[in-house]
Protein backbone atom coordinates (compact mmCIF):
# COMPACT_ATOMS: atom_id res chain seq x y z
CA MET A 1 150.70 64.37 104.35
CA LYS A 2 151.53 60.69 104.23
CA ASP A 3 154.73 61.52 102.28
CA VAL A 4 155.93 64.17 104.74
CA LYS A 5 158.79 62.80 106.84
CA PRO A 6 161.22 64.34 109.33
CA THR A 7 164.14 66.13 107.70
CA GLU A 8 167.74 66.75 108.61
CA ARG A 9 168.22 69.98 110.52
CA GLY A 10 168.16 72.88 108.07
CA LYS A 11 166.47 70.94 105.24
CA VAL A 12 162.97 72.01 104.30
CA VAL A 13 159.96 70.38 102.71
CA THR A 14 156.78 71.82 101.27
CA ALA A 15 153.28 70.73 102.30
CA VAL A 16 149.93 71.82 100.87
CA GLY A 17 146.67 71.45 102.71
CA LEU A 18 143.42 72.86 104.01
CA VAL A 19 143.64 74.51 107.43
CA ILE A 20 141.20 72.58 109.64
CA SER A 21 142.15 74.26 112.92
CA ALA A 22 144.03 77.41 113.88
CA GLN A 23 145.12 78.63 117.30
CA VAL A 24 147.08 81.57 118.62
CA LYS A 25 148.90 81.11 121.92
CA VAL A 26 151.07 83.28 124.14
CA THR A 27 154.39 81.71 125.13
CA LYS A 28 156.02 81.89 128.56
CA LYS A 29 158.18 84.73 127.19
CA GLY A 30 155.04 86.68 126.31
CA THR A 31 155.39 86.32 122.53
CA ARG A 32 152.61 85.02 120.34
CA MET A 33 152.78 81.86 118.27
CA GLY A 34 150.38 80.08 115.94
CA ILE A 35 149.52 76.43 115.57
CA LEU A 36 147.72 75.11 112.50
CA GLU A 37 146.46 71.68 111.64
CA ILE A 38 146.44 71.12 107.86
CA ASP A 39 144.89 68.23 105.96
CA ASP A 40 145.44 67.07 102.36
CA LYS A 41 143.05 64.07 102.46
CA SER A 42 146.01 61.70 102.93
CA GLY A 43 146.74 62.85 106.48
CA ARG A 44 147.17 65.75 108.84
CA LEU A 45 150.16 67.81 109.90
CA SER A 46 150.64 70.25 112.78
CA VAL A 47 152.40 73.44 111.76
CA MET A 48 154.08 75.70 114.30
CA PHE A 49 154.57 79.43 113.71
CA PHE A 50 157.09 80.70 116.23
CA SER A 51 157.34 84.44 116.96
CA GLU A 52 159.21 85.64 113.83
CA ALA A 53 157.20 83.46 111.43
CA PHE A 54 154.02 84.32 113.32
CA GLU A 55 154.57 88.06 112.86
CA ARG A 56 155.31 87.63 109.15
CA TYR A 57 152.44 85.26 108.36
CA GLU A 58 149.79 86.05 110.98
CA GLU A 59 147.19 86.78 108.29
CA TYR A 60 147.37 83.15 107.13
CA ILE A 61 146.60 81.67 110.54
CA ALA A 62 142.91 81.06 109.94
CA LYS A 63 140.61 78.08 109.30
CA ASP A 64 139.35 77.02 105.88
CA ARG A 65 142.27 78.34 103.81
CA ILE A 66 144.38 76.30 101.44
CA LEU A 67 148.04 77.01 102.19
CA VAL A 68 151.41 76.06 100.75
CA ILE A 69 153.84 75.86 103.68
CA THR A 70 157.59 75.30 103.58
CA GLY A 71 159.49 74.35 106.73
CA GLU A 72 161.37 71.76 108.73
CA VAL A 73 159.57 68.58 109.78
CA SER A 74 160.34 66.72 112.98
CA PHE A 75 158.80 64.03 115.17
CA ASP A 76 156.32 65.36 117.75
CA ASP A 77 156.89 63.45 120.99
CA PHE A 78 153.70 64.90 122.49
CA ASN A 79 151.20 63.53 119.94
CA GLY A 80 153.30 60.82 118.29
CA GLY A 81 153.03 62.33 114.81
CA TYR A 82 154.99 64.85 112.80
CA LYS A 83 155.08 68.61 113.13
CA MET A 84 156.42 71.31 110.86
CA THR A 85 158.10 74.55 111.87
CA ALA A 86 156.95 77.08 109.26
CA ARG A 87 159.49 79.14 107.34
CA GLU A 88 157.48 80.35 104.35
CA VAL A 89 153.73 80.42 103.69
CA MET A 90 151.64 81.26 100.64
CA ASP A 91 147.95 81.03 99.96
CA ILE A 92 146.85 79.10 96.89
CA GLU A 93 146.57 82.20 94.68
CA ALA A 94 150.12 83.35 95.49
CA ALA A 95 151.36 79.81 94.81
CA ARG A 96 149.60 79.78 91.44
CA GLU A 97 151.18 83.14 90.58
CA ARG A 98 154.63 81.87 91.56
CA TYR A 99 154.57 78.34 90.15
CA ALA A 100 152.11 78.32 87.22
CA ARG A 101 153.93 78.13 83.91
CA GLY A 102 150.87 79.17 81.96
CA LEU A 103 147.10 79.40 81.71
CA THR A 104 145.83 77.16 78.91
CA LEU A 105 142.54 77.93 77.19
CA GLN A 106 140.77 75.79 74.57
CA LEU A 107 138.82 77.92 72.05
CA ASN A 108 136.66 76.56 69.25
CA ALA A 109 136.21 78.62 66.08
CA ASP A 110 132.43 78.26 66.25
CA LYS A 111 132.35 80.36 69.46
CA MET A 112 134.49 83.16 68.02
CA ASN A 113 132.68 86.37 67.09
CA ASP A 114 132.94 90.08 67.96
CA THR A 115 130.72 89.68 71.03
CA PHE A 116 132.81 86.80 72.34
CA MET A 117 136.11 88.65 71.86
CA GLY A 118 134.83 91.72 73.71
CA LYS A 119 133.59 89.62 76.61
CA PHE A 120 136.85 87.63 76.63
CA MET A 121 139.00 90.77 76.85
CA ASP A 122 136.70 92.25 79.52
CA THR A 123 137.08 89.07 81.59
CA LEU A 124 140.89 89.18 81.39
CA GLU A 125 141.31 92.94 81.93
CA PRO A 126 141.05 93.12 85.76
CA TYR A 127 143.68 90.36 86.14
CA ARG A 128 146.31 91.75 83.76
CA ALA A 129 149.77 92.77 84.98
CA GLY A 130 150.32 89.33 86.49
CA THR A 131 153.11 86.88 85.69
CA CYS A 132 151.15 83.99 84.15
CA PRO A 133 151.21 83.77 80.33
CA ILE A 134 148.06 82.77 78.45
CA ASN A 135 148.29 79.96 75.89
CA ILE A 136 145.29 79.57 73.60
CA TYR A 137 144.67 76.36 71.68
CA TYR A 138 142.47 77.48 68.81
CA GLN A 139 140.51 74.70 67.10
CA ARG A 140 138.74 74.72 63.74
CA ALA A 141 137.38 71.77 61.81
CA ASP A 142 140.47 71.72 59.57
CA ALA A 143 143.22 73.14 61.79
CA ARG A 144 144.54 73.60 65.31
CA ALA A 145 147.01 76.23 66.49
CA LYS A 146 148.66 77.28 69.71
CA LEU A 147 148.79 81.03 70.32
CA THR A 148 150.56 82.69 73.23
CA LEU A 149 149.24 86.13 74.10
CA GLY A 150 151.76 88.95 74.48
CA VAL A 151 153.40 89.94 77.75
CA GLU A 152 150.86 92.73 78.27
CA TRP A 153 148.16 90.03 78.61
CA ARG A 154 149.85 88.05 81.39
CA VAL A 155 147.45 87.57 84.27
CA SER A 156 147.16 86.75 87.96
CA PRO A 157 145.43 83.34 87.98
CA THR A 158 142.91 84.02 90.75
CA ASP A 159 139.90 81.89 91.61
CA GLU A 160 137.62 84.58 90.16
CA LEU A 161 139.44 84.67 86.81
CA LEU A 162 139.51 80.88 86.47
CA TYR A 163 135.81 80.66 87.34
CA GLY A 164 134.88 83.46 84.90
CA LEU A 165 136.83 81.83 82.07
CA GLU A 166 135.29 78.44 82.79
CA LEU A 167 131.79 79.95 82.66
CA MET A 168 132.61 81.52 79.30
CA LEU A 169 134.55 78.64 77.69
CA GLY A 170 132.91 75.63 79.33
CA SER A 171 134.10 72.97 81.71
CA GLY A 172 137.44 71.40 80.81
CA ASN A 173 138.57 74.29 78.59
CA VAL A 174 140.56 76.17 81.26
CA ASP A 175 143.69 74.68 82.80
CA LEU A 176 146.80 75.82 84.64
CA GLU A 177 150.15 74.38 83.57
CA PHE A 178 152.83 73.68 86.16
CA ASP A 179 156.39 72.41 85.78
């Protein structure tokens, strides 16, 4: 959060962090609002969800979630720091789906057999119909090739899929590509 600075009115910034506190309050007008404190290990930022944003994103106002929040940042006279007024919120999985350019997998020829391929396809199957293409870097002793799976094999890059692939392929062989 150390790079988050107040913006001109109408300009927005994006912050990513872990929700360390979440509150719901009732305003003097009787509407509900949410207040989050997010932390990215470089600092903390208060995020305000006024009535319209609160209604749209109420499900995200909870502790221990990683969120991507876009909004306007201003100086908070009350606590002397900065605060953000939320406009758009995504959890980490929705952000991956939206911003990931591809899922990169490293496969060695020595692991490839009929059993492996069946297990590999079974692992991908529940996550198909997503937007993230799969790029496979296939390695043999004498050659290396990049293969991109067809559109029908695009996936939703959830935590469960990434964990399952890492268990199967080994640490360091599963990576998400971003622009």
